[in-house]
Amino acid sequence: MSKKYQIVNSNIDTNSNECTIFYILYIVLFFVIVFIIYKIIFCFGNSKESFANVPSTTITTPKETIPIPIPAASNKLTTNSVKSPSDVMKELSDKNKELTIIKDTLENKLIEQSQAIYLSQNFNKVDASSFDEQLAYLLVEFADTKLPELDMGDKKIVNTLTELDTVLAESKDMKNFYSPGDIVDSNSTFGIGKNEICYRHNNKPIKPTSEFMAKYPNCMVCAIEDDKNLTNTQGWKNTKTNISKVCLYDPKATPKTGTPNLSQCKTFCNIK
């Protein structure tokens, strides 16, 4: 029996037929993928609607012009189905009214809610059955409570515009601050006039007789209080002025009558 031998090249793949089949499958798969991608791109490209040539209409409002695009399919409709600008304006106006009503309703509800929250946080609700007990407690608790009082006996109350004008006219001529040598002839405030300022002894008012006032009808400022502590001085407390001392005189008096005149008062008070 004879054996047959065959010389095979080791560099040649014995499975070349199988590799060829795989190469063909890869090529077919590649073309399938390309075809699928092409179909996807083609479908999405046709699904986009072009608005380049779509007709449009405009609505002119009092503030601005609003363009409203009309789809191309609407060209097949009759002209009677297209809304006129007046119809669109009426529809927008109705919608605006509805929105206004909704807005007002929401605002009212928010206000009611805020008030309810405020009441719940700041007030305690009294049970109707315990109202009498609460009232009795309040009456007993506050029976002896004394509220602040103000004595208005010596106060001037202004009730009308005429009275206000009178008060302003009187206060316009009032004077509170003097210098040595000034003549006192004005009120310092309501109820304190020239006589209350001049006819005093050690800052205490005196009751001059008519003869005394006729002998010394006028007065001149002789000295004033220190400005640093003016409000605590007797002069300010009693006369509402800065006057400390005055000199009473008669402007018509002669040097030998015993009644000083203005020049003699200035000499007595060392006023140059």
Protein backbone atom coordinates (compact mmCIF):
# COMPACT_ATOMS: atom_id res chain seq x y z
CA MET A 1 0.00 0.00 0.00
CA SER A 2 1.44 3.34 -1.03
CA LYS A 3 0.90 6.62 0.86
CA LYS A 4 0.45 9.97 -0.89
CA TYR A 5 2.00 13.08 0.67
CA GLN A 6 1.22 16.73 -0.07
CA ILE A 7 3.46 19.67 0.64
CA VAL A 8 1.52 22.54 2.22
CA ASN A 9 2.82 26.07 2.56
CA SER A 10 2.54 27.17 6.18
CA ASN A 11 1.96 30.85 5.16
CA ILE A 12 -1.29 29.99 3.35
CA ASP A 13 -4.47 30.09 5.52
CA THR A 14 -6.43 26.88 5.17
CA ASN A 15 -9.59 28.71 6.19
CA SER A 16 -9.47 31.21 3.33
CA ASN A 17 -13.00 30.30 2.25
CA GLU A 18 -14.38 31.12 5.68
CA CYS A 19 -12.57 34.50 5.77
CA THR A 20 -14.01 35.43 2.42
CA ILE A 21 -17.52 34.86 3.71
CA PHE A 22 -16.86 37.13 6.69
CA TYR A 23 -15.52 39.88 4.41
CA ILE A 24 -18.67 39.73 2.32
CA LEU A 25 -20.86 39.95 5.44
CA TYR A 26 -18.91 43.00 6.67
CA ILE A 27 -19.39 44.75 3.31
CA VAL A 28 -23.12 44.03 3.28
CA LEU A 29 -23.47 45.22 6.88
CA PHE A 30 -21.62 48.45 6.03
CA PHE A 31 -24.01 49.20 3.15
CA VAL A 32 -27.03 48.45 5.36
CA ILE A 33 -25.83 50.91 7.98
CA VAL A 34 -25.20 53.58 5.33
CA PHE A 35 -28.67 52.98 3.92
CA ILE A 36 -30.31 53.27 7.37
CA ILE A 37 -28.47 56.54 8.08
CA TYR A 38 -29.54 57.89 4.70
CA LYS A 39 -33.19 57.04 5.36
CA ILE A 40 -33.09 58.68 8.78
CA ILE A 41 -31.59 61.88 7.40
CA PHE A 42 -34.05 61.91 4.52
CA CYS A 43 -37.10 61.43 6.78
CA PHE A 44 -36.08 64.14 9.25
CA GLY A 45 -35.22 66.52 6.42
CA ASN A 46 -38.71 66.19 4.89
CA SER A 47 -40.49 66.42 8.25
CA LYS A 48 -39.36 70.06 8.78
CA GLU A 49 -41.91 72.53 7.49
CA SER A 50 -40.48 75.50 5.74
CA PHE A 51 -41.92 78.85 6.68
CA ALA A 52 -39.91 80.80 4.19
CA ASN A 53 -42.86 81.36 1.89
CA VAL A 54 -45.64 81.20 4.47
CA PRO A 55 -47.97 84.18 4.16
CA SER A 56 -48.65 86.17 7.26
CA THR A 57 -51.00 88.84 8.43
CA THR A 58 -50.50 91.56 11.00
CA ILE A 59 -52.69 93.00 13.72
CA THR A 60 -52.18 96.62 14.59
CA THR A 61 -52.78 97.40 18.29
CA PRO A 62 -52.61 100.81 19.93
CA LYS A 63 -49.09 100.03 21.19
CA GLU A 64 -47.45 97.66 18.70
CA THR A 65 -47.93 95.52 15.55
CA ILE A 66 -48.17 91.74 16.22
CA PRO A 67 -47.34 89.48 13.25
CA ILE A 68 -49.43 86.26 13.13
CA PRO A 69 -48.10 83.55 10.77
CA ILE A 70 -50.67 81.60 8.76
CA PRO A 71 -49.70 77.97 7.96
CA ALA A 72 -49.43 77.00 4.30
CA ALA A 73 -52.30 74.54 4.68
CA SER A 74 -54.65 77.41 5.38
CA ASN A 75 -54.30 78.53 1.75
CA LYS A 76 -56.73 75.75 0.85
CA LEU A 77 -59.42 77.28 3.10
CA THR A 78 -61.87 79.87 1.97
CA THR A 79 -61.39 83.51 2.87
CA ASN A 80 -64.47 83.39 5.14
CA SER A 81 -62.64 81.09 7.63
CA VAL A 82 -59.84 83.64 8.26
CA LYS A 83 -60.45 85.88 11.30
CA SER A 84 -60.42 89.57 10.70
CA PRO A 85 -58.22 91.89 12.82
CA SER A 86 -61.30 93.22 14.64
CA ASP A 87 -62.32 89.66 15.62
CA VAL A 88 -58.85 88.90 16.88
CA MET A 89 -58.81 92.16 18.86
CA LYS A 90 -62.19 91.31 20.40
CA GLU A 91 -60.95 87.85 21.35
CA LEU A 92 -57.81 89.29 22.91
CA SER A 93 -59.88 91.86 24.81
CA ASP A 94 -62.12 89.11 26.21
CA LYS A 95 -59.08 87.12 27.27
CA ASN A 96 -57.65 90.22 28.93
CA LYS A 97 -60.86 90.70 30.92
CA GLU A 98 -60.77 87.08 32.05
CA LEU A 99 -57.16 87.44 33.16
CA THR A 100 -58.01 90.65 35.02
CA ILE A 101 -60.83 88.92 36.90
CA ILE A 102 -58.50 86.06 37.82
CA LYS A 103 -55.82 88.50 38.97
CA ASP A 104 -58.29 90.44 41.17
CA THR A 105 -59.58 87.19 42.66
CA LEU A 106 -56.07 86.06 43.52
CA GLU A 107 -55.21 89.45 45.06
CA ASN A 108 -58.35 89.38 47.22
CA LYS A 109 -57.58 85.85 48.37
CA LEU A 110 -54.00 86.86 49.25
CA ILE A 111 -55.25 89.88 51.21
CA GLU A 112 -57.73 87.72 53.12
CA GLN A 113 -55.01 85.20 53.86
CA SER A 114 -52.62 87.91 55.08
CA GLN A 115 -55.29 89.37 57.35
CA ALA A 116 -56.11 85.94 58.73
CA ILE A 117 -52.43 85.25 59.45
CA TYR A 118 -52.06 88.66 61.14
CA LEU A 119 -55.13 88.09 63.32
CA SER A 120 -54.02 84.60 64.29
CA GLN A 121 -50.54 85.83 65.27
CA ASN A 122 -51.54 89.00 67.15
CA PHE A 123 -54.98 88.34 68.66
CA ASN A 124 -56.50 85.68 70.86
CA LYS A 125 -60.06 84.61 70.17
CA VAL A 126 -62.35 84.90 73.20
CA ASP A 127 -64.81 82.10 73.70
CA ALA A 128 -68.38 83.41 73.62
CA SER A 129 -69.27 81.46 76.76
CA SER A 130 -66.46 83.14 78.73
CA PHE A 131 -67.10 86.67 77.48
CA ASP A 132 -68.77 87.80 80.73
CA GLU A 133 -65.87 86.47 82.79
CA GLN A 134 -63.33 88.21 80.57
CA LEU A 135 -65.27 91.48 80.77
CA ALA A 136 -65.49 91.28 84.58
CA TYR A 137 -61.75 90.61 84.75
CA LEU A 138 -60.97 93.63 82.59
CA LEU A 139 -63.23 95.90 84.64
CA VAL A 140 -61.66 94.78 87.93
CA GLU A 141 -58.11 94.83 86.60
CA PHE A 142 -58.29 98.30 85.09
CA ALA A 143 -60.74 99.94 87.49
CA ASP A 144 -57.97 101.81 89.32
CA THR A 145 -55.86 102.52 86.25
CA LYS A 146 -55.04 106.21 85.94
CA LEU A 147 -54.36 107.50 82.49
CA PRO A 148 -52.01 110.44 81.92
CA GLU A 149 -53.68 113.79 82.40
CA LEU A 150 -52.78 117.26 81.22
CA ASP A 151 -53.85 120.43 82.93
CA MET A 152 -55.20 122.69 80.20
CA GLY A 153 -56.37 125.42 82.57
CA ASP A 154 -53.62 127.88 81.70
CA LYS A 155 -53.20 126.70 78.10
CA LYS A 156 -54.44 128.54 75.07
CA ILE A 157 -56.33 126.23 72.74
CA VAL A 158 -56.69 127.26 69.11
CA ASN A 159 -59.94 126.07 67.53
CA THR A 160 -60.31 128.18 64.40
CA LEU A 161 -58.10 129.68 61.72
CA THR A 162 -58.96 133.18 62.95
CA GLU A 163 -57.71 132.34 66.43
CA LEU A 164 -54.52 130.92 64.92
CA ASP A 165 -53.91 134.14 62.98
CA THR A 166 -54.43 136.13 66.19
CA VAL A 167 -51.97 133.97 68.10
CA LEU A 168 -49.37 134.29 65.37
CA ALA A 169 -49.80 138.07 65.30
CA GLU A 170 -49.33 138.27 69.09
CA SER A 171 -46.31 135.97 69.14
CA LYS A 172 -44.63 137.93 66.36
CA ASP A 173 -44.00 140.87 68.74
CA MET A 174 -42.84 138.76 71.72
CA LYS A 175 -39.26 139.02 72.96
CA ASN A 176 -37.30 136.74 75.27
CA PHE A 177 -33.66 137.73 74.93
CA TYR A 178 -32.32 141.17 75.88
CA SER A 179 -29.02 142.96 76.23
CA PRO A 180 -28.11 145.43 79.00
CA GLY A 181 -29.53 148.84 78.09
CA ASP A 182 -32.55 147.48 76.14
CA ILE A 183 -35.99 148.87 76.93
CA VAL A 184 -38.64 146.35 77.98
CA ASP A 185 -41.86 147.03 76.11
CA SER A 186 -42.95 143.58 74.79
CA ASN A 187 -44.51 140.41 76.14
CA SER A 188 -42.25 137.41 76.60
CA THR A 189 -45.09 134.89 76.20
CA PHE A 190 -48.85 134.67 76.66
CA GLY A 191 -49.79 136.07 80.06
CA ILE A 192 -46.38 137.62 80.79
CA GLY A 193 -46.23 141.22 79.66
CA LYS A 194 -44.08 144.24 80.38
CA ASN A 195 -45.53 144.82 83.87
CA GLU A 196 -44.96 141.19 84.95
CA ILE A 197 -41.33 141.47 83.79
CA CYS A 198 -40.47 144.91 85.19
CA TYR A 199 -42.30 145.21 88.50
CA ARG A 200 -40.45 142.59 90.52
CA HIS A 201 -38.29 142.48 93.64
CA ASN A 202 -35.70 139.70 93.82
CA ASN A 203 -37.50 138.03 90.91
CA LYS A 204 -40.73 137.96 92.87
CA PRO A 205 -43.71 139.87 91.46
CA ILE A 206 -44.99 142.91 93.34
CA LYS A 207 -48.36 144.61 93.17
CA PRO A 208 -47.55 148.16 92.15
CA THR A 209 -50.08 150.90 92.81
CA SER A 210 -51.20 153.28 90.12
CA GLU A 211 -49.10 156.06 91.72
CA PHE A 212 -45.98 153.84 91.66
CA MET A 213 -46.53 152.91 88.02
CA ALA A 214 -47.07 156.58 87.11
CA LYS A 215 -43.80 157.49 88.85
CA TYR A 216 -41.85 154.66 87.16
CA PRO A 217 -43.65 153.98 83.88
CA ASN A 218 -40.70 152.43 81.98
CA CYS A 219 -37.92 149.96 82.70
CA MET A 220 -34.51 149.23 81.21
CA VAL A 221 -32.53 146.01 81.33
CA CYS A 222 -29.72 146.42 83.82
CA ALA A 223 -28.25 142.86 83.86
CA ILE A 224 -28.93 139.52 82.20
CA GLU A 225 -28.55 135.86 83.20
CA ASP A 226 -25.72 133.58 82.12
CA ASP A 227 -26.56 131.78 78.87
CA LYS A 228 -24.97 128.49 79.98
CA ASN A 229 -27.60 127.77 82.63
CA LEU A 230 -30.39 130.05 81.45
CA THR A 231 -33.36 127.68 81.70
CA ASN A 232 -32.63 126.96 85.39
CA THR A 233 -32.44 130.62 86.44
CA GLN A 234 -35.21 132.39 88.34
CA GLY A 235 -35.40 135.05 85.67
CA TRP A 236 -36.28 132.53 82.97
CA LYS A 237 -38.63 130.50 85.17
CA ASN A 238 -40.58 133.60 86.25
CA THR A 239 -40.49 135.86 83.18
CA LYS A 240 -39.37 133.60 80.28
CA THR A 241 -36.60 136.10 79.58
CA ASN A 242 -32.87 136.29 80.25
CA ILE A 243 -33.33 139.44 82.35
CA SER A 244 -31.76 139.39 85.80
CA LYS A 245 -32.21 143.03 86.91
CA VAL A 246 -34.06 146.07 85.60
CA CYS A 247 -33.94 149.78 86.30
CA LEU A 248 -37.29 151.60 86.57
CA TYR A 249 -37.33 155.17 85.29
CA ASP A 250 -39.41 158.04 84.00
CA PRO A 251 -38.24 159.36 80.63
CA LYS A 252 -39.56 162.86 81.54
CA ALA A 253 -37.90 163.06 84.97
CA THR A 254 -35.43 165.83 85.72
CA PRO A 255 -32.20 165.17 87.60
CA LYS A 256 -33.41 166.73 90.88
CA THR A 257 -36.85 165.13 91.17
CA GLY A 258 -35.59 161.92 92.81
CA THR A 259 -36.95 159.76 89.97
CA PRO A 260 -34.25 158.48 87.60
CA ASN A 261 -34.45 159.03 83.92
CA LEU A 262 -32.97 156.86 81.17
CA SER A 263 -29.50 158.43 81.39
CA GLN A 264 -29.36 157.99 85.13
CA CYS A 265 -30.44 154.31 84.76
CA LYS A 266 -27.57 153.72 82.37
CA THR A 267 -25.21 155.32 84.87
CA PHE A 268 -26.56 153.20 87.74
CA CYS A 269 -26.18 149.99 85.66
CA ASN A 270 -22.74 150.99 84.35
CA ILE A 271 -23.89 150.84 80.74
CA LYS A 272 -21.76 152.84 78.33
